Protein backbone atom coordinates (compact mmCIF):
# COMPACT_ATOMS: atom_id res chain seq x y z
CA UNK A 1 -0.06 0.30 -0.20
CA UNK A 2 0.75 3.30 -0.21
CA UNK A 3 1.84 4.63 3.57
CA UNK A 4 1.96 8.32 4.57
CA UNK A 5 -0.21 9.68 1.51
CA UNK A 6 1.21 12.94 2.50
CA UNK A 7 4.57 12.03 2.58
CA UNK A 8 4.38 10.35 -0.76
CA UNK A 9 2.66 13.03 -2.51
CA UNK A 10 5.88 14.72 -1.27
CA UNK A 11 8.49 12.57 -2.81
CA UNK A 12 7.22 12.58 -5.86
CA UNK A 13 7.08 16.17 -6.13
CA UNK A 14 10.61 16.53 -5.57
CA UNK A 15 11.19 14.25 -8.17
CA UNK A 16 8.74 16.90 -10.57
CA UNK A 17 10.73 19.91 -9.32
CA UNK A 18 14.09 18.23 -11.06
CA UNK A 19 12.39 18.14 -14.47
CA UNK A 20 12.65 14.34 -14.69
CA UNK A 21 10.69 13.30 -17.82
CA UNK A 22 9.20 10.13 -16.30
CA UNK A 23 9.18 7.91 -13.12
CA UNK A 24 10.54 4.49 -13.97
CA UNK A 25 9.42 1.60 -11.47
CA UNK A 26 10.76 -1.87 -11.81
CA UNK A 27 8.32 -4.94 -11.49
CA UNK A 28 9.77 -8.25 -10.73
CA UNK A 29 8.75 -11.63 -9.99
CA UNK A 30 11.27 -13.68 -8.76
CA UNK A 31 11.53 -15.83 -11.58
CA UNK A 32 13.01 -14.00 -14.55
CA UNK A 33 14.76 -11.45 -12.55
CA UNK A 34 15.92 -12.80 -8.76
CA UNK A 35 14.30 -10.82 -6.76
CA UNK A 36 11.12 -8.52 -6.13
CA UNK A 37 10.24 -5.54 -7.17
CA UNK A 38 7.67 -2.63 -6.66
CA UNK A 39 3.93 -3.44 -6.50
CA UNK A 40 0.98 -2.70 -8.78
CA UNK A 41 -0.37 -1.07 -5.68
CA UNK A 42 2.40 1.20 -5.87
CA UNK A 43 1.73 2.22 -9.18
CA UNK A 44 -2.11 2.38 -8.51
CA UNK A 45 -1.12 5.25 -5.42
CA UNK A 46 1.19 7.12 -7.94
CA UNK A 47 -0.90 7.50 -11.08
CA UNK A 48 -3.00 9.97 -9.21
CA UNK A 49 -0.40 12.09 -7.66
CA UNK A 50 1.89 12.72 -10.29
CA UNK A 51 1.26 14.30 -14.10
CA UNK A 52 4.38 12.85 -15.03
CA UNK A 53 4.61 9.52 -17.62
CA UNK A 54 4.83 6.29 -15.67
CA UNK A 55 7.40 4.05 -17.64
CA UNK A 56 7.37 0.31 -15.38
CA UNK A 57 9.58 -1.91 -16.77
CA UNK A 58 8.77 -5.79 -16.57
CA UNK A 59 10.81 -8.43 -15.30
CA UNK A 60 8.44 -10.78 -15.07
CA UNK A 61 7.54 -13.71 -16.60
CA UNK A 62 3.17 -13.59 -16.58
CA UNK A 63 4.02 -10.27 -18.85
CA UNK A 64 0.17 -10.33 -20.61
CA UNK A 65 -1.41 -9.88 -17.35
CA UNK A 66 0.84 -7.59 -16.35
CA UNK A 67 0.21 -5.47 -19.28
CA UNK A 68 -3.92 -5.55 -19.01
CA UNK A 69 -3.47 -4.58 -15.08
CA UNK A 70 -1.09 -1.56 -16.25
CA UNK A 71 -3.17 -0.35 -18.69
CA UNK A 72 -6.24 0.04 -16.27
CA UNK A 73 -4.04 1.90 -13.81
CA UNK A 74 -3.39 4.23 -16.81
CA UNK A 75 0.45 3.57 -17.32
CA UNK A 76 2.18 5.38 -20.56
CA UNK A 77 4.66 3.16 -20.90
CA UNK A 78 5.34 -0.54 -20.46
CA UNK A 79 8.45 -2.30 -21.21
CA UNK A 80 8.92 -6.13 -21.52
CA UNK A 81 11.81 -8.03 -22.29
CA UNK A 82 11.82 -10.13 -25.43
CA UNK A 83 13.12 -13.25 -23.32
CA UNK A 84 9.61 -13.48 -21.55
CA UNK A 85 7.10 -13.82 -24.48
CA UNK A 86 6.28 -15.81 -27.85
CA UNK A 87 4.70 -13.16 -29.86
CA UNK A 88 6.55 -10.02 -29.24
CA UNK A 89 4.34 -7.81 -32.08
CA UNK A 90 1.09 -9.04 -30.13
CA UNK A 91 2.11 -7.76 -27.28
CA UNK A 92 3.38 -4.35 -28.52
CA UNK A 93 -0.05 -4.23 -30.05
CA UNK A 94 -2.11 -4.87 -27.22
CA UNK A 95 0.22 -1.92 -25.28
CA UNK A 96 -0.62 0.36 -28.42
CA UNK A 97 -4.28 -0.64 -28.35
CA UNK A 98 -4.52 0.25 -24.99
CA UNK A 99 -2.94 3.91 -25.60
CA UNK A 100 0.51 3.26 -24.35
CA UNK A 101 3.97 2.69 -25.37
CA UNK A 102 5.62 -0.44 -26.16
CA UNK A 103 9.37 -0.82 -25.35
CA UNK A 104 11.59 -4.20 -25.78
CA UNK A 105 14.40 -4.72 -23.05
CA UNK A 106 16.88 -7.11 -23.19
CA UNK A 107 19.46 -8.74 -20.58
CA UNK A 108 23.04 -8.94 -20.55
CA UNK A 109 23.04 -12.70 -21.02
CA UNK A 110 21.04 -12.51 -24.46
CA UNK A 111 22.57 -11.90 -28.05
CA UNK A 112 21.34 -7.95 -29.12
CA UNK A 113 20.45 -9.96 -32.54
CA UNK A 114 17.26 -10.98 -31.02
CA UNK A 115 16.01 -7.46 -30.95
CA UNK A 116 16.24 -7.26 -34.57
CA UNK A 117 12.87 -8.74 -35.73
CA UNK A 118 10.40 -6.50 -33.68
CA UNK A 119 12.59 -3.04 -32.95
CA UNK A 120 10.51 -1.94 -35.93
CA UNK A 121 7.21 -2.11 -33.43
CA UNK A 122 8.77 -0.64 -30.52
CA UNK A 123 8.90 2.87 -29.06
CA UNK A 124 11.68 2.26 -27.04
CA UNK A 125 14.42 -0.16 -26.58
CA UNK A 126 16.16 -0.73 -23.25
CA UNK A 127 19.26 -2.47 -23.12
CA UNK A 128 20.14 -3.40 -19.57
CA UNK A 129 23.91 -2.89 -18.56
CA UNK A 130 24.00 -4.99 -15.53
CA UNK A 131 22.37 -8.35 -14.96
CA UNK A 132 18.77 -7.57 -13.67
CA UNK A 133 17.49 -7.98 -10.41
CA UNK A 134 19.02 -6.09 -8.17
CA UNK A 135 20.62 -2.53 -7.62
CA UNK A 136 24.09 -1.23 -7.32
CA UNK A 137 25.56 -3.68 -9.83
CA UNK A 138 28.57 -3.46 -11.81
CA UNK A 139 28.27 -2.63 -15.49
CA UNK A 140 28.72 -6.09 -17.89
CA UNK A 141 31.73 -6.09 -19.80
CA UNK A 142 30.16 -4.96 -23.58
CA UNK A 143 27.24 -2.91 -22.77
CA UNK A 144 28.19 0.02 -23.75
CA UNK A 145 28.94 -1.78 -27.21
CA UNK A 146 25.34 -3.26 -27.07
CA UNK A 147 23.85 0.70 -26.35
CA UNK A 148 25.87 1.37 -29.57
CA UNK A 149 25.07 -1.70 -32.00
CA UNK A 150 20.95 -1.01 -30.85
CA UNK A 151 21.56 2.86 -31.98
CA UNK A 152 23.17 1.55 -35.10
CA UNK A 153 20.41 -0.22 -36.04
CA UNK A 154 17.51 1.75 -35.72
CA UNK A 155 19.67 4.28 -37.30
CA UNK A 156 20.48 2.32 -40.12
CA UNK A 157 16.65 0.98 -40.53
CA UNK A 158 15.25 4.88 -40.01
CA UNK A 159 13.39 4.03 -37.17
CA UNK A 160 12.73 6.67 -34.47
CA UNK A 161 12.84 4.54 -31.27
CA UNK A 162 14.42 6.18 -28.22
CA UNK A 163 17.18 3.72 -26.31
CA UNK A 164 17.24 3.53 -22.80
CA UNK A 165 20.34 2.59 -20.75
CA UNK A 166 19.25 0.67 -17.58
CA UNK A 167 21.88 0.20 -15.04
CA UNK A 168 24.51 1.48 -13.40
CA UNK A 169 23.95 4.71 -15.02
CA UNK A 170 26.60 6.25 -12.58
CA UNK A 171 28.18 9.98 -13.07
CA UNK A 172 31.53 8.07 -15.04
CA UNK A 173 29.31 6.33 -16.97
CA UNK A 174 26.32 9.08 -18.33
CA UNK A 175 28.99 10.63 -20.84
CA UNK A 176 29.65 7.11 -22.12
CA UNK A 177 26.18 6.21 -22.53
CA UNK A 178 25.16 9.00 -24.22
CA UNK A 179 27.76 8.73 -26.98
CA UNK A 180 27.00 4.71 -27.39
CA UNK A 181 23.47 6.92 -28.38
CA UNK A 182 21.39 6.28 -25.34
CA UNK A 183 19.11 9.03 -25.41
CA UNK A 184 17.11 7.82 -22.31
CA UNK A 185 18.80 7.27 -18.99
CA UNK A 186 17.15 5.45 -15.99
CA UNK A 187 18.89 7.41 -12.53
CA UNK A 188 19.02 4.91 -9.84
CA UNK A 189 21.63 4.37 -6.39
CA UNK A 190 24.64 5.27 -8.39
CA UNK A 191 23.06 9.02 -9.66
CA UNK A 192 20.20 10.37 -8.46
CA UNK A 193 19.60 8.02 -5.16
CA UNK A 194 22.77 8.58 -3.29
CA UNK A 195 24.05 8.41 0.26
CA UNK A 196 24.11 12.37 1.97
CA UNK A 197 23.48 14.13 -1.41
CA UNK A 198 19.56 15.74 -1.90
CA UNK A 199 18.15 15.28 -5.22
CA UNK A 200 19.06 18.58 -6.52
CA UNK A 201 22.71 18.16 -6.13
CA UNK A 202 22.81 15.12 -7.91
CA UNK A 203 20.61 16.13 -10.14
CA UNK A 204 22.79 19.10 -10.83
CA UNK A 205 25.60 16.37 -11.24
CA UNK A 206 24.04 14.00 -13.88
CA UNK A 207 23.29 17.23 -16.01
CA UNK A 208 27.27 18.41 -15.93
CA UNK A 209 27.79 14.56 -17.14
CA UNK A 210 25.45 14.50 -19.51
CA UNK A 211 26.48 17.92 -20.94
CA UNK A 212 30.52 16.75 -21.00
CA UNK A 213 29.49 14.33 -24.09
């Protein structure tokens, strides 16, 4: 549940004031990703207290049922893993029919070529740069190169989909990720939510890291 609704709203407004574009939420099931993410109840509580788009990343196996629940809540962006569904195009079409944008995610262990048959239907491609399931993991070898390959493929095909970098998006890695072609950054424990520093200070440093490209 939401806990203290007043404090909950204050936290969301603090994030809105930073000028961020979306609120990124991970849902995991302890099967596809070895952890439990945030809940549908939390997303339900978030929707009425912010005008920001809710960007939900499904790190779970029962994608279609989750998509239906999220569309019912009013989530604007839903990203699922190509590893978890049989008919990627059908799931993308279900998301679009519900009025949301569809993203495709790919884990580090999956060959990047598994995306190519599906990216033409997507609004975004999320490249995981850490193994899914836990915050604070190290950038996987080749993560930056995978971002570059996705951007190169989209550009060559004339596709306008966003490229998201997700995982260890740190002040050190942000310039490299942007240079590789990422235009969406998932800001987490290695950048925005660091201990002992305010959101505003963190965001100022993040913008400087982006500007250094």
